[in-house]
């Protein structure tokens, strides 16, 4: 029931935003065609992109936690390795000997 309400609300918001942008769009590009093609923005609010595991982002706490656990090192050791060789996961693994 809550999901349906959220979906209806998000659709109303998207319709409003799309109608506001309609002036900037070509005449033939309407909301119904966008919806049918599956290009509707924010179709599923629960889908999230998978993180890029080939890079290590030291500015995101959840990534630091993931990488320290995955590599079996402390945050400080991970930071030193990233500072030395860059944020590529492969080169950091090689530097740490993992």
Protein backbone atom coordinates (compact mmCIF):
# COMPACT_ATOMS: atom_id res chain seq x y z
CA UNK A 1 0.00 0.00 0.00
CA UNK A 2 2.81 2.41 0.88
CA UNK A 3 4.75 1.38 -2.24
CA UNK A 4 1.74 2.19 -4.40
CA UNK A 5 1.37 5.58 -2.73
CA UNK A 6 5.07 6.32 -3.21
CA UNK A 7 4.87 5.22 -6.83
CA UNK A 8 1.81 7.43 -7.47
CA UNK A 9 3.50 10.36 -5.79
CA UNK A 10 6.73 9.89 -7.72
CA UNK A 11 4.74 9.64 -10.96
CA UNK A 12 2.94 12.89 -10.15
CA UNK A 13 6.23 14.60 -9.41
CA UNK A 14 7.78 13.28 -12.60
CA UNK A 15 4.77 14.36 -14.66
CA UNK A 16 5.05 17.85 -13.23
CA UNK A 17 8.77 18.00 -13.92
CA UNK A 18 8.34 16.62 -17.43
CA UNK A 19 5.56 19.07 -18.20
CA UNK A 20 7.83 21.91 -17.04
CA UNK A 21 10.56 20.63 -19.35
CA UNK A 22 8.19 20.11 -22.27
CA UNK A 23 8.97 23.52 -23.66
CA UNK A 24 12.60 22.51 -24.09
CA UNK A 25 11.80 19.19 -25.82
CA UNK A 26 11.06 18.54 -29.46
CA UNK A 27 7.31 18.47 -30.11
CA UNK A 28 7.11 14.72 -30.78
CA UNK A 29 8.79 13.65 -27.55
CA UNK A 30 5.88 13.30 -25.15
CA UNK A 31 5.50 11.69 -21.75
CA UNK A 32 3.48 8.69 -22.96
CA UNK A 33 6.19 7.69 -25.45
CA UNK A 34 8.87 8.06 -22.80
CA UNK A 35 6.85 5.83 -20.46
CA UNK A 36 6.23 3.16 -23.12
CA UNK A 37 9.90 3.03 -24.14
CA UNK A 38 10.97 2.49 -20.54
CA UNK A 39 12.89 5.76 -20.40
CA UNK A 40 10.75 7.09 -17.59
CA UNK A 41 13.04 8.75 -15.07
CA UNK A 42 13.12 7.06 -11.67
CA UNK A 43 10.99 4.10 -12.78
CA UNK A 44 12.03 2.08 -9.76
CA UNK A 45 13.23 4.02 -6.76
CA UNK A 46 14.55 0.87 -5.08
CA UNK A 47 17.10 0.03 -7.81
CA UNK A 48 20.60 1.23 -7.05
CA UNK A 49 23.67 1.06 -9.19
CA UNK A 50 26.35 -1.40 -8.24
CA UNK A 51 29.49 0.27 -6.90
CA UNK A 52 32.56 0.29 -9.14
CA UNK A 53 34.74 -2.30 -7.44
CA UNK A 54 37.71 -1.55 -9.71
CA UNK A 55 38.32 1.74 -7.88
CA UNK A 56 38.69 2.56 -4.19
CA UNK A 57 36.93 5.75 -3.07
CA UNK A 58 38.44 6.85 0.23
CA UNK A 59 35.82 9.63 0.54
CA UNK A 60 32.92 7.19 1.08
CA UNK A 61 32.77 5.52 4.49
CA UNK A 62 30.91 2.45 3.20
CA UNK A 63 33.60 1.88 0.55
CA UNK A 64 36.43 2.27 3.06
CA UNK A 65 34.66 -0.26 5.30
CA UNK A 66 34.20 -2.65 2.36
CA UNK A 67 37.83 -2.40 1.22
CA UNK A 68 39.39 -2.66 4.68
CA UNK A 69 37.36 -5.82 5.30
CA UNK A 70 37.97 -7.26 1.80
CA UNK A 71 41.72 -6.64 1.96
CA UNK A 72 42.15 -7.35 5.67
CA UNK A 73 43.92 -4.07 6.41
CA UNK A 74 43.34 -1.03 8.58
CA UNK A 75 42.00 2.26 7.25
CA UNK A 76 45.43 3.84 7.68
CA UNK A 77 47.17 1.05 5.73
CA UNK A 78 44.59 1.35 2.96
CA UNK A 79 45.01 5.15 2.85
CA UNK A 80 48.81 4.85 2.60
CA UNK A 81 48.52 2.34 -0.26
CA UNK A 82 45.99 4.51 -2.14
CA UNK A 83 48.18 7.59 -1.64
CA UNK A 84 51.20 5.69 -2.96
CA UNK A 85 49.78 3.86 -6.01
CA UNK A 86 46.42 5.49 -6.74
CA UNK A 87 42.84 4.30 -6.34
CA UNK A 88 42.91 1.29 -8.68
CA UNK A 89 41.89 -1.77 -6.68
CA UNK A 90 44.28 -4.00 -8.64
CA UNK A 91 47.34 -1.83 -7.94
CA UNK A 92 46.38 -1.43 -4.29
CA UNK A 93 46.04 -5.22 -3.96
CA UNK A 94 49.46 -5.62 -5.56
CA UNK A 95 50.98 -2.98 -3.24
CA UNK A 96 49.50 -4.68 -0.17
CA UNK A 97 50.50 -8.14 -1.39
CA UNK A 98 46.94 -9.44 -1.25
